[in-house]
PDB file of N, CA and C in Angstrom:
ATOM      1  N   MET A   1      -2.654  24.666  -1.441  1.00  0.00           N
ATOM      2  CA  MET A   1      -2.857  25.523  -2.584  1.00  0.00           C
ATOM      3  C   MET A   1      -2.967  24.651  -3.831  1.00  0.00           C
ATOM      4  N   THR A   2      -3.975  24.891  -4.646  1.00  0.00           N
ATOM      5  CA  THR A   2      -4.185  24.110  -5.857  1.00  0.00           C
ATOM      6  C   THR A   2      -4.162  25.044  -7.053  1.00  0.00           C
ATOM      7  N   GLY A   3      -3.543  24.611  -8.136  1.00  0.00           N
ATOM      8  CA  GLY A   3      -3.520  25.435  -9.333  1.00  0.00           C
ATOM      9  C   GLY A   3      -2.706  24.785 -10.428  1.00  0.00           C
ATOM     10  N   PRO A   4      -2.859  25.270 -11.660  1.00  0.00           N
ATOM     11  CA  PRO A   4      -2.120  24.678 -12.766  1.00  0.00           C
ATOM     12  C   PRO A   4      -0.632  24.994 -12.673  1.00  0.00           C
ATOM     13  N   THR A   5       0.170  24.072 -13.136  1.00  0.00           N
ATOM     14  CA  THR A   5       1.603  24.279 -13.215  1.00  0.00           C
ATOM     15  C   THR A   5       1.985  24.434 -14.673  1.00  0.00           C
ATOM     16  N   ARG A   6       3.252  24.740 -14.943  1.00  0.00           N
ATOM     17  CA  ARG A   6       3.698  24.959 -16.321  1.00  0.00           C
ATOM     18  C   ARG A   6       3.505  23.726 -17.197  1.00  0.00           C
ATOM     19  N   SER A   7       3.582  22.525 -16.620  1.00  0.00           N
ATOM     20  CA  SER A   7       3.454  21.324 -17.437  1.00  0.00           C
ATOM     21  C   SER A   7       2.001  20.940 -17.691  1.00  0.00           C
ATOM     22  N   GLY A   8       1.065  21.714 -17.167  1.00  0.00           N
ATOM     23  CA  GLY A   8      -0.346  21.405 -17.367  1.00  0.00           C
ATOM     24  C   GLY A   8      -0.911  20.506 -16.292  1.00  0.00           C
ATOM     25  N   THR A   9      -0.106  20.150 -15.298  1.00  0.00           N
ATOM     26  CA  THR A   9      -0.609  19.336 -14.207  1.00  0.00           C
ATOM     27  C   THR A   9      -1.204  20.244 -13.146  1.00  0.00           C
ATOM     28  N   THR A  10      -1.893  19.661 -12.209  1.00  0.00           N
ATOM     29  CA  THR A  10      -2.439  20.398 -11.087  1.00  0.00           C
ATOM     30  C   THR A  10      -1.790  19.852  -9.827  1.00  0.00           C
ATOM     31  N   THR A  11      -1.399  20.739  -8.923  1.00  0.00           N
ATOM     32  CA  THR A  11      -0.810  20.298  -7.670  1.00  0.00           C
ATOM     33  C   THR A  11      -1.787  20.541  -6.547  1.00  0.00           C
ATOM     34  N   SER A  12      -1.648  19.776  -5.510  1.00  0.00           N
ATOM     35  CA  SER A  12      -2.497  19.934  -4.340  1.00  0.00           C
ATOM     36  C   SER A  12      -1.601  19.938  -3.117  1.00  0.00           C
ATOM     37  N   GLY A  13      -1.500  21.089  -2.441  1.00  0.00           N
ATOM     38  CA  GLY A  13      -0.772  21.156  -1.182  1.00  0.00           C
ATOM     39  C   GLY A  13      -1.689  20.621  -0.099  1.00  0.00           C
ATOM     40  N   ARG A  14      -1.181  19.749   0.723  1.00  0.00           N
ATOM     41  CA  ARG A  14      -1.991  19.118   1.760  1.00  0.00           C
ATOM     42  C   ARG A  14      -1.646  19.745   3.099  1.00  0.00           C
ATOM     43  N   SER A  15      -2.648  19.966   3.936  1.00  0.00           N
ATOM     44  CA  SER A  15      -2.381  20.509   5.263  1.00  0.00           C
ATOM     45  C   SER A  15      -1.783  19.434   6.169  1.00  0.00           C
ATOM     46  N   SER A  16      -2.151  18.181   5.953  1.00  0.00           N
ATOM     47  CA  SER A  16      -1.520  17.068   6.675  1.00  0.00           C
ATOM     48  C   SER A  16      -1.075  16.049   5.628  1.00  0.00           C
ATOM     49  N   PRO A  17       0.021  15.367   5.869  1.00  0.00           N
ATOM     50  CA  PRO A  17       0.558  14.489   4.831  1.00  0.00           C
ATOM     51  C   PRO A  17      -0.310  13.265   4.566  1.00  0.00           C
ATOM     52  N   MET A  18      -0.426  12.930   3.285  1.00  0.00           N
ATOM     53  CA  MET A  18      -0.974  11.649   2.887  1.00  0.00           C
ATOM     54  C   MET A  18       0.135  10.634   3.154  1.00  0.00           C
ATOM     55  N   ILE A  19      -0.228   9.429   3.537  1.00  0.00           N
ATOM     56  CA  ILE A  19       0.755   8.393   3.806  1.00  0.00           C
ATOM     57  C   ILE A  19       0.721   7.371   2.676  1.00  0.00           C
ATOM     58  N   ILE A  20       1.894   7.083   2.131  1.00  0.00           N
ATOM     59  CA  ILE A  20       2.029   6.027   1.127  1.00  0.00           C
ATOM     60  C   ILE A  20       2.904   4.939   1.716  1.00  0.00           C
ATOM     61  N   VAL A  21       2.437   3.725   1.646  1.00  0.00           N
ATOM     62  CA  VAL A  21       3.203   2.549   2.045  1.00  0.00           C
ATOM     63  C   VAL A  21       3.476   1.795   0.750  1.00  0.00           C
ATOM     64  N   ALA A  22       4.751   1.586   0.432  1.00  0.00           N
ATOM     65  CA  ALA A  22       5.094   0.964  -0.845  1.00  0.00           C
ATOM     66  C   ALA A  22       6.324   0.087  -0.693  1.00  0.00           C
ATOM     67  N   GLY A  23       6.339  -0.975  -1.473  1.00  0.00           N
ATOM     68  CA  GLY A  23       7.495  -1.869  -1.483  1.00  0.00           C
ATOM     69  C   GLY A  23       7.078  -3.251  -1.922  1.00  0.00           C
ATOM     70  N   HIS A  24       7.805  -4.236  -1.419  1.00  0.00           N
ATOM     71  CA  HIS A  24       7.478  -5.612  -1.785  1.00  0.00           C
ATOM     72  C   HIS A  24       7.925  -6.573  -0.692  1.00  0.00           C
ATOM     73  N   ILE A  25       7.334  -7.755  -0.737  1.00  0.00           N
ATOM     74  CA  ILE A  25       7.757  -8.859   0.115  1.00  0.00           C
ATOM     75  C   ILE A  25       8.117 -10.019  -0.800  1.00  0.00           C
ATOM     76  N   ALA A  26       8.817 -10.994  -0.246  1.00  0.00           N
ATOM     77  CA  ALA A  26       9.161 -12.200  -1.006  1.00  0.00           C
ATOM     78  C   ALA A  26       8.659 -13.420  -0.256  1.00  0.00           C
ATOM     79  N   VAL A  27       8.087 -14.343  -1.001  1.00  0.00           N
ATOM     80  CA  VAL A  27       7.655 -15.635  -0.476  1.00  0.00           C
ATOM     81  C   VAL A  27       8.184 -16.710  -1.426  1.00  0.00           C
ATOM     82  N   GLU A  28       8.125 -17.959  -1.009  1.00  0.00           N
ATOM     83  CA  GLU A  28       8.522 -19.037  -1.906  1.00  0.00           C
ATOM     84  C   GLU A  28       7.569 -19.038  -3.106  1.00  0.00           C
ATOM     85  N   PRO A  29       8.095 -19.221  -4.318  1.00  0.00           N
ATOM     86  CA  PRO A  29       7.234 -19.169  -5.510  1.00  0.00           C
ATOM     87  C   PRO A  29       6.017 -20.083  -5.427  1.00  0.00           C
ATOM     88  N   GLU A  30       6.192 -21.260  -4.875  1.00  0.00           N
ATOM     89  CA  GLU A  30       5.061 -22.201  -4.800  1.00  0.00           C
ATOM     90  C   GLU A  30       4.029 -21.801  -3.743  1.00  0.00           C
ATOM     91  N   GLU A  31       4.349 -20.836  -2.901  1.00  0.00           N
ATOM     92  CA  GLU A  31       3.422 -20.370  -1.867  1.00  0.00           C
ATOM     93  C   GLU A  31       2.745 -19.046  -2.224  1.00  0.00           C
ATOM     94  N   ARG A  32       3.165 -18.428  -3.325  1.00  0.00           N
ATOM     95  CA  ARG A  32       2.688 -17.080  -3.633  1.00  0.00           C
ATOM     96  C   ARG A  32       1.179 -17.020  -3.862  1.00  0.00           C
ATOM     97  N   GLU A  33       0.623 -17.905  -4.651  1.00  0.00           N
ATOM     98  CA  GLU A  33      -0.822 -17.842  -4.925  1.00  0.00           C
ATOM     99  C   GLU A  33      -1.641 -18.026  -3.658  1.00  0.00           C
ATOM    100  N   ALA A  34      -1.227 -18.951  -2.797  1.00  0.00           N
ATOM    101  CA  ALA A  34      -1.946 -19.160  -1.532  1.00  0.00           C
ATOM    102  C   ALA A  34      -1.811 -17.937  -0.630  1.00  0.00           C
ATOM    103  N   TYR A  35      -0.630 -17.341  -0.616  1.00  0.00           N
ATOM    104  CA  TYR A  35      -0.422 -16.134   0.195  1.00  0.00           C
ATOM    105  C   TYR A  35      -1.359 -15.025  -0.279  1.00  0.00           C
ATOM    106  N   LEU A  36      -1.386 -14.792  -1.584  1.00  0.00           N
ATOM    107  CA  LEU A  36      -2.250 -13.744  -2.129  1.00  0.00           C
ATOM    108  C   LEU A  36      -3.721 -14.025  -1.853  1.00  0.00           C
ATOM    109  N   ALA A  37      -4.128 -15.277  -1.985  1.00  0.00           N
ATOM    110  CA  ALA A  37      -5.520 -15.634  -1.691  1.00  0.00           C
ATOM    111  C   ALA A  37      -5.847 -15.321  -0.230  1.00  0.00           C
ATOM    112  N   GLY A  38      -4.883 -15.543   0.658  1.00  0.00           N
ATOM    113  CA  GLY A  38      -5.075 -15.242   2.069  1.00  0.00           C
ATOM    114  C   GLY A  38      -5.147 -13.754   2.363  1.00  0.00           C
ATOM    115  N   CYS A  39      -4.731 -12.918   1.427  1.00  0.00           N
ATOM    116  CA  CYS A  39      -4.745 -11.461   1.599  1.00  0.00           C
ATOM    117  C   CYS A  39      -6.057 -10.829   1.143  1.00  0.00           C
ATOM    118  N   ARG A  40      -6.912 -11.578   0.492  1.00  0.00           N
ATOM    119  CA  ARG A  40      -8.157 -11.006  -0.040  1.00  0.00           C
ATOM    120  C   ARG A  40      -8.973 -10.283   1.018  1.00  0.00           C
ATOM    121  N   GLY A  41      -9.108 -10.894   2.169  1.00  0.00           N
ATOM    122  CA  GLY A  41      -9.911 -10.302   3.241  1.00  0.00           C
ATOM    123  C   GLY A  41      -9.351  -8.977   3.731  1.00  0.00           C
ATOM    124  N   VAL A  42      -8.037  -8.908   3.917  1.00  0.00           N
ATOM    125  CA  VAL A  42      -7.434  -7.669   4.412  1.00  0.00           C
ATOM    126  C   VAL A  42      -7.513  -6.564   3.354  1.00  0.00           C
ATOM    127  N   VAL A  43      -7.400  -6.930   2.077  1.00  0.00           N
ATOM    128  CA  VAL A  43      -7.534  -5.925   1.011  1.00  0.00           C
ATOM    129  C   VAL A  43      -8.958  -5.369   1.012  1.00  0.00           C
ATOM    130  N   ASP A  44      -9.929  -6.255   1.126  1.00  0.00           N
ATOM    131  CA  ASP A  44     -11.324  -5.811   1.168  1.00  0.00           C
ATOM    132  C   ASP A  44     -11.574  -4.917   2.385  1.00  0.00           C
ATOM    133  N   GLN A  45     -11.062  -5.331   3.555  1.00  0.00           N
ATOM    134  CA  GLN A  45     -11.215  -4.523   4.776  1.00  0.00           C
ATOM    135  C   GLN A  45     -10.585  -3.151   4.599  1.00  0.00           C
ATOM    136  N   ALA A  46      -9.373  -3.126   4.059  1.00  0.00           N
ATOM    137  CA  ALA A  46      -8.658  -1.859   3.908  1.00  0.00           C
ATOM    138  C   ALA A  46      -9.404  -0.921   2.976  1.00  0.00           C
ATOM    139  N   ARG A  47      -9.857  -1.437   1.861  1.00  0.00           N
ATOM    140  CA  ARG A  47     -10.528  -0.581   0.883  1.00  0.00           C
ATOM    141  C   ARG A  47     -11.824   0.001   1.410  1.00  0.00           C
ATOM    142  N   GLN A  48     -12.402  -0.639   2.415  1.00  0.00           N
ATOM    143  CA  GLN A  48     -13.620  -0.117   3.034  1.00  0.00           C
ATOM    144  C   GLN A  48     -13.332   0.752   4.249  1.00  0.00           C
ATOM    145  N   ALA A  49     -12.088   0.773   4.700  1.00  0.00           N
ATOM    146  CA  ALA A  49     -11.726   1.518   5.911  1.00  0.00           C
ATOM    147  C   ALA A  49     -11.752   3.020   5.655  1.00  0.00           C
ATOM    148  N   ALA A  50     -12.159   3.754   6.664  1.00  0.00           N
ATOM    149  CA  ALA A  50     -12.144   5.212   6.581  1.00  0.00           C
ATOM    150  C   ALA A  50     -10.714   5.686   6.342  1.00  0.00           C
ATOM    151  N   GLY A  51     -10.542   6.559   5.380  1.00  0.00           N
ATOM    152  CA  GLY A  51      -9.233   7.133   5.108  1.00  0.00           C
ATOM    153  C   GLY A  51      -8.372   6.367   4.133  1.00  0.00           C
ATOM    154  N   CYS A  52      -8.829   5.204   3.668  1.00  0.00           N
ATOM    155  CA  CYS A  52      -8.055   4.445   2.692  1.00  0.00           C
ATOM    156  C   CYS A  52      -8.338   5.001   1.293  1.00  0.00           C
ATOM    157  N   LEU A  53      -7.283   5.425   0.609  1.00  0.00           N
ATOM    158  CA  LEU A  53      -7.410   5.938  -0.751  1.00  0.00           C
ATOM    159  C   LEU A  53      -7.120   4.848  -1.783  1.00  0.00           C
ATOM    160  N   ASP A  54      -6.262   3.899  -1.432  1.00  0.00           N
ATOM    161  CA  ASP A  54      -5.914   2.788  -2.326  1.00  0.00           C
ATOM    162  C   ASP A  54      -5.193   1.740  -1.503  1.00  0.00           C
ATOM    163  N   PHE A  55      -5.382   0.476  -1.869  1.00  0.00           N
ATOM    164  CA  PHE A  55      -4.732  -0.621  -1.155  1.00  0.00           C
ATOM    165  C   PHE A  55      -4.624  -1.778  -2.127  1.00  0.00           C
ATOM    166  N   ALA A  56      -3.397  -2.197  -2.437  1.00  0.00           N
ATOM    167  CA  ALA A  56      -3.197  -3.284  -3.396  1.00  0.00           C
ATOM    168  C   ALA A  56      -2.055  -4.184  -2.953  1.00  0.00           C
ATOM    169  N   ILE A  57      -2.278  -5.465  -3.080  1.00  0.00           N
ATOM    170  CA  ILE A  57      -1.261  -6.490  -2.860  1.00  0.00           C
ATOM    171  C   ILE A  57      -1.332  -7.364  -4.099  1.00  0.00           C
ATOM    172  N   SER A  58      -0.237  -7.426  -4.869  1.00  0.00           N
ATOM    173  CA  SER A  58      -0.316  -8.116  -6.155  1.00  0.00           C
ATOM    174  C   SER A  58       0.971  -8.856  -6.502  1.00  0.00           C
ATOM    175  N   ALA A  59       0.806  -9.896  -7.319  1.00  0.00           N
ATOM    176  CA  ALA A  59       1.944 -10.676  -7.792  1.00  0.00           C
ATOM    177  C   ALA A  59       2.759  -9.860  -8.784  1.00  0.00           C
ATOM    178  N   ASP A  60       4.072  -9.939  -8.664  1.00  0.00           N
ATOM    179  CA  ASP A  60       4.960  -9.296  -9.624  1.00  0.00           C
ATOM    180  C   ASP A  60       4.917 -10.078 -10.935  1.00  0.00           C
ATOM    181  N   LEU A  61       4.966  -9.390 -12.053  1.00  0.00           N
ATOM    182  CA  LEU A  61       4.872 -10.045 -13.355  1.00  0.00           C
ATOM    183  C   LEU A  61       6.150 -10.765 -13.762  1.00  0.00           C
ATOM    184  N   ILE A  62       7.281 -10.434 -13.135  1.00  0.00           N
ATOM    185  CA  ILE A  62       8.553 -11.026 -13.548  1.00  0.00           C
ATOM    186  C   ILE A  62       9.141 -11.966 -12.498  1.00  0.00           C
ATOM    187  N   ASP A  63       9.180 -11.529 -11.251  1.00  0.00           N
ATOM    188  CA  ASP A  63       9.812 -12.305 -10.180  1.00  0.00           C
ATOM    189  C   ASP A  63       8.773 -13.192  -9.495  1.00  0.00           C
ATOM    190  N   PRO A  64       8.902 -14.523  -9.556  1.00  0.00           N
ATOM    191  CA  PRO A  64       7.889 -15.419  -8.985  1.00  0.00           C
ATOM    192  C   PRO A  64       7.825 -15.423  -7.460  1.00  0.00           C
ATOM    193  N   GLN A  65       8.805 -14.804  -6.799  1.00  0.00           N
ATOM    194  CA  GLN A  65       8.796 -14.724  -5.334  1.00  0.00           C
ATOM    195  C   GLN A  65       8.188 -13.423  -4.829  1.00  0.00           C
ATOM    196  N   ARG A  66       8.137 -12.412  -5.689  1.00  0.00           N
ATOM    197  CA  ARG A  66       7.830 -11.059  -5.263  1.00  0.00           C
ATOM    198  C   ARG A  66       6.330 -10.764  -5.254  1.00  0.00           C
ATOM    199  N   ILE A  67       5.901 -10.092  -4.184  1.00  0.00           N
ATOM    200  CA  ILE A  67       4.532  -9.584  -4.047  1.00  0.00           C
ATOM    201  C   ILE A  67       4.650  -8.094  -3.779  1.00  0.00           C
ATOM    202  N   ASN A  68       4.040  -7.287  -4.637  1.00  0.00           N
ATOM    203  CA  ASN A  68       4.119  -5.832  -4.532  1.00  0.00           C
ATOM    204  C   ASN A  68       3.040  -5.302  -3.595  1.00  0.00           C
ATOM    205  N   ILE A  69       3.413  -4.299  -2.819  1.00  0.00           N
ATOM    206  CA  ILE A  69       2.529  -3.689  -1.835  1.00  0.00           C
ATOM    207  C   ILE A  69       2.388  -2.205  -2.162  1.00  0.00           C
ATOM    208  N   LEU A  70       1.155  -1.704  -2.201  1.00  0.00           N
ATOM    209  CA  LEU A  70       0.923  -0.268  -2.351  1.00  0.00           C
ATOM    210  C   LEU A  70      -0.308   0.111  -1.536  1.00  0.00           C
ATOM    211  N   GLU A  71      -0.121   1.061  -0.638  1.00  0.00           N
ATOM    212  CA  GLU A  71      -1.226   1.599   0.148  1.00  0.00           C
ATOM    213  C   GLU A  71      -1.141   3.116   0.103  1.00  0.00           C
ATOM    214  N   ARG A  72      -2.298   3.788   0.028  1.00  0.00           N
ATOM    215  CA  ARG A  72      -2.377   5.246   0.148  1.00  0.00           C
ATOM    216  C   ARG A  72      -3.447   5.562   1.183  1.00  0.00           C
ATOM    217  N   TRP A  73      -3.077   6.371   2.158  1.00  0.00           N
ATOM    218  CA  TRP A  73      -3.981   6.720   3.256  1.00  0.00           C
ATOM    219  C   TRP A  73      -4.094   8.231   3.373  1.00  0.00           C
ATOM    220  N   GLU A  74      -5.284   8.719   3.700  1.00  0.00           N
ATOM    221  CA  GLU A  74      -5.515  10.156   3.864  1.00  0.00           C
ATOM    222  C   GLU A  74      -4.643  10.758   4.960  1.00  0.00           C
ATOM    223  N   SER A  75      -4.328   9.953   5.988  1.00  0.00           N
ATOM    224  CA  SER A  75      -3.575  10.480   7.124  1.00  0.00           C
ATOM    225  C   SER A  75      -2.907   9.341   7.883  1.00  0.00           C
ATOM    226  N   ARG A  76      -1.948   9.698   8.716  1.00  0.00           N
ATOM    227  CA  ARG A  76      -1.306   8.716   9.593  1.00  0.00           C
ATOM    228  C   ARG A  76      -2.339   8.116  10.537  1.00  0.00           C
ATOM    229  N   ALA A  77      -3.268   8.930  11.024  1.00  0.00           N
ATOM    230  CA  ALA A  77      -4.302   8.431  11.946  1.00  0.00           C
ATOM    231  C   ALA A  77      -5.136   7.334  11.283  1.00  0.00           C
ATOM    232  N   ALA A  78      -5.495   7.533  10.018  1.00  0.00           N
ATOM    233  CA  ALA A  78      -6.277   6.509   9.305  1.00  0.00           C
ATOM    234  C   ALA A  78      -5.479   5.224   9.164  1.00  0.00           C
ATOM    235  N   LEU A  79      -4.199   5.349   8.828  1.00  0.00           N
ATOM    236  CA  LEU A  79      -3.342   4.166   8.708  1.00  0.00           C
ATOM    237  C   LEU A  79      -3.222   3.450  10.046  1.00  0.00           C
ATOM    238  N   GLU A  80      -2.947   4.190  11.105  1.00  0.00           N
ATOM    239  CA  GLU A  80      -2.770   3.579  12.424  1.00  0.00           C
ATOM    240  C   GLU A  80      -4.046   2.901  12.914  1.00  0.00           C
ATOM    241  N   THR A  81      -5.198   3.487  12.603  1.00  0.00           N
ATOM    242  CA  THR A  81      -6.464   2.866  12.989  1.00  0.00           C
ATOM    243  C   THR A  81      -6.613   1.500  12.332  1.00  0.00           C
ATOM    244  N   PHE A  82      -6.192   1.413  11.083  1.00  0.00           N
ATOM    245  CA  PHE A  82      -6.308   0.157  10.345  1.00  0.00           C
ATOM    246  C   PHE A  82      -5.162  -0.810  10.641  1.00  0.00           C
ATOM    247  N   ARG A  83      -4.042  -0.346  11.066  1.00  0.00           N
ATOM    248  CA  ARG A  83      -2.793  -1.093  11.151  1.00  0.00           C
ATOM    249  C   ARG A  83      -2.896  -2.463  11.834  1.00  0.00           C
ATOM    250  N   GLY A  84      -3.797  -2.675  12.736  1.00  0.00           N
ATOM    251  CA  GLY A  84      -3.912  -3.951  13.425  1.00  0.00           C
ATOM    252  C   GLY A  84      -4.288  -5.110  12.524  1.00  0.00           C
ATOM    253  N   SER A  85      -4.571  -4.837  11.253  1.00  0.00           N
ATOM    254  CA  SER A  85      -5.033  -5.883  10.337  1.00  0.00           C
ATOM    255  C   SER A  85      -3.898  -6.428   9.471  1.00  0.00           C
ATOM    256  N   GLY A  86      -2.708  -6.576  10.032  1.00  0.00           N
ATOM    257  CA  GLY A  86      -1.573  -7.097   9.279  1.00  0.00           C
ATOM    258  C   GLY A  86      -1.693  -8.584   9.034  1.00  0.00           C
ATOM    259  N   PRO A  87      -0.642  -9.196   8.490  1.00  0.00           N
ATOM    260  CA  PRO A  87      -0.718 -10.624   8.172  1.00  0.00           C
ATOM    261  C   PRO A  87      -0.894 -11.463   9.428  1.00  0.00           C
ATOM    262  N   ASP A  88      -1.666 -12.559   9.286  1.00  0.00           N
ATOM    263  CA  ASP A  88      -1.816 -13.476  10.407  1.00  0.00           C
ATOM    264  C   ASP A  88      -0.530 -14.286  10.556  1.00  0.00           C
ATOM    265  N   ASP A  89      -0.463 -15.128  11.583  1.00  0.00           N
ATOM    266  CA  ASP A  89       0.769 -15.882  11.843  1.00  0.00           C
ATOM    267  C   ASP A  89       1.201 -16.724  10.649  1.00  0.00           C
ATOM    268  N   GLY A  90       0.256 -17.390   9.980  1.00  0.00           N
ATOM    269  CA  GLY A  90       0.600 -18.214   8.821  1.00  0.00           C
ATOM    270  C   GLY A  90       1.179 -17.385   7.692  1.00  0.00           C
ATOM    271  N   GLN A  91       0.606 -16.230   7.455  1.00  0.00           N
ATOM    272  CA  GLN A  91       1.135 -15.362   6.405  1.00  0.00           C
ATOM    273  C   GLN A  91       2.497 -14.819   6.801  1.00  0.00           C
ATOM    274  N   GLY A  92       2.646 -14.410   8.030  1.00  0.00           N
ATOM    275  CA  GLY A  92       3.922 -13.886   8.498  1.00  0.00           C
ATOM    276  C   GLY A  92       5.041 -14.899   8.357  1.00  0.00           C
ATOM    277  N   GLU A  93       4.737 -16.163   8.619  1.00  0.00           N
ATOM    278  CA  GLU A  93       5.740 -17.226   8.488  1.00  0.00           C
ATOM    279  C   GLU A  93       6.147 -17.452   7.043  1.00  0.00           C
ATOM    280  N   ALA A  94       5.273 -17.148   6.094  1.00  0.00           N
ATOM    281  CA  ALA A  94       5.570 -17.375   4.676  1.00  0.00           C
ATOM    282  C   ALA A  94       6.502 -16.310   4.105  1.00  0.00           C
ATOM    283  N   ILE A  95       6.605 -15.154   4.767  1.00  0.00           N
ATOM    284  CA  ILE A  95       7.418 -14.055   4.257  1.00  0.00           C
ATOM    285  C   ILE A  95       8.898 -14.351   4.454  1.00  0.00           C
ATOM    286  N   ARG A  96       9.653 -14.313   3.354  1.00  0.00           N
ATOM    287  CA  ARG A  96      11.099 -14.570   3.381  1.00  0.00           C
ATOM    288  C   ARG A  96      11.915 -13.276   3.421  1.00  0.00           C
ATOM    289  N   ALA A  97      11.386 -12.198   2.883  1.00  0.00           N
ATOM    290  CA  ALA A  97      12.073 -10.908   2.881  1.00  0.00           C
ATOM    291  C   ALA A  97      11.040  -9.798   2.776  1.00  0.00           C
ATOM    292  N   ILE A  98      11.377  -8.653   3.366  1.00  0.00           N
ATOM    293  CA  ILE A  98      10.474  -7.499   3.343  1.00  0.00           C
ATOM    294  C   ILE A  98      11.274  -6.252   2.971  1.00  0.00           C
ATOM    295  N   ALA A  99      10.745  -5.492   2.031  1.00  0.00           N
ATOM    296  CA  ALA A  99      11.317  -4.187   1.672  1.00  0.00           C
ATOM    297  C   ALA A  99      10.139  -3.238   1.455  1.00  0.00           C
ATOM    298  N   VAL A 100       9.553  -2.766   2.547  1.00  0.00           N
ATOM    299  CA  VAL A 100       8.381  -1.893   2.498  1.00  0.00           C
ATOM    300  C   VAL A 100       8.692  -0.652   3.324  1.00  0.00           C
ATOM    301  N   GLU A 101       8.378   0.513   2.771  1.00  0.00           N
ATOM    302  CA  GLU A 101       8.641   1.777   3.452  1.00  0.00           C
ATOM    303  C   GLU A 101       7.396   2.649   3.449  1.00  0.00           C
ATOM    304  N   GLU A 102       7.363   3.604   4.381  1.00  0.00           N
ATOM    305  CA  GLU A 102       6.275   4.574   4.459  1.00  0.00           C
ATOM    306  C   GLU A 102       6.802   5.943   4.053  1.00  0.00           C
ATOM    307  N   TYR A 103       5.950   6.690   3.358  1.00  0.00           N
ATOM    308  CA  TYR A 103       6.301   8.029   2.905  1.00  0.00           C
ATOM    309  C   TYR A 103       5.200   8.997   3.322  1.00  0.00           C
ATOM    310  N   ASP A 104       5.593  10.158   3.849  1.00  0.00           N
ATOM    311  CA  ASP A 104       4.661  11.236   4.154  1.00  0.00           C
ATOM    312  C   ASP A 104       4.686  12.190   2.962  1.00  0.00           C
ATOM    313  N   VAL A 105       3.526  12.408   2.333  1.00  0.00           N
ATOM    314  CA  VAL A 105       3.449  13.216   1.112  1.00  0.00           C
ATOM    315  C   VAL A 105       2.625  14.461   1.403  1.00  0.00           C
ATOM    316  N   THR A 106       3.211  15.610   1.140  1.00  0.00           N
ATOM    317  CA  THR A 106       2.485  16.866   1.370  1.00  0.00           C
ATOM    318  C   THR A 106       2.104  17.570   0.080  1.00  0.00           C
ATOM    319  N   THR A 107       2.697  17.157  -1.039  1.00  0.00           N
ATOM    320  CA  THR A 107       2.341  17.748  -2.337  1.00  0.00           C
ATOM    321  C   THR A 107       1.982  16.625  -3.286  1.00  0.00           C
ATOM    322  N   GLN A 108       0.884  16.800  -3.969  1.00  0.00           N
ATOM    323  CA  GLN A 108       0.379  15.800  -4.893  1.00  0.00           C
ATOM    324  C   GLN A 108       0.259  16.435  -6.262  1.00  0.00           C
ATOM    325  N   HIS A 109       0.715  15.744  -7.305  1.00  0.00           N
ATOM    326  CA  HIS A 109       0.666  16.244  -8.676  1.00  0.00           C
ATOM    327  C   HIS A 109      -0.317  15.386  -9.473  1.00  0.00           C
ATOM    328  N   PHE A 110      -1.267  15.986 -10.116  1.00  0.00           N
ATOM    329  CA  PHE A 110      -2.243  15.287 -10.934  1.00  0.00           C
ATOM    330  C   PHE A 110      -1.896  15.519 -12.394  1.00  0.00           C
ATOM    331  N   THR A 111      -1.904  14.471 -13.191  1.00  0.00           N
ATOM    332  CA  THR A 111      -1.619  14.625 -14.615  1.00  0.00           C
ATOM    333  C   THR A 111      -2.853  14.290 -15.427  1.00  0.00           C
TER     334      THR A 111
END
């Protein structure tokens, strides 16, 4: 169901949940730029994948170890189809900590 709300926003009820993957990883500060450069291909692949609404891997502006992750997918099926494109062995070895979670979203608010 879509319609205006009291605050002037519009909501969108979804019949199937949109999937959001959000969080961050940590790498050694001196390895961060190389790690991000190695992610260019997967970001490009994801953004072209069916069902990808947004996909970003970016350096944190304050913490030199932190890399922020944000993905939005139309459905779990779209995410799972793409999922095989995770970090390669070299990238996986560079990760020191992971705090990434998935969220199923059924209501979306537009401002």
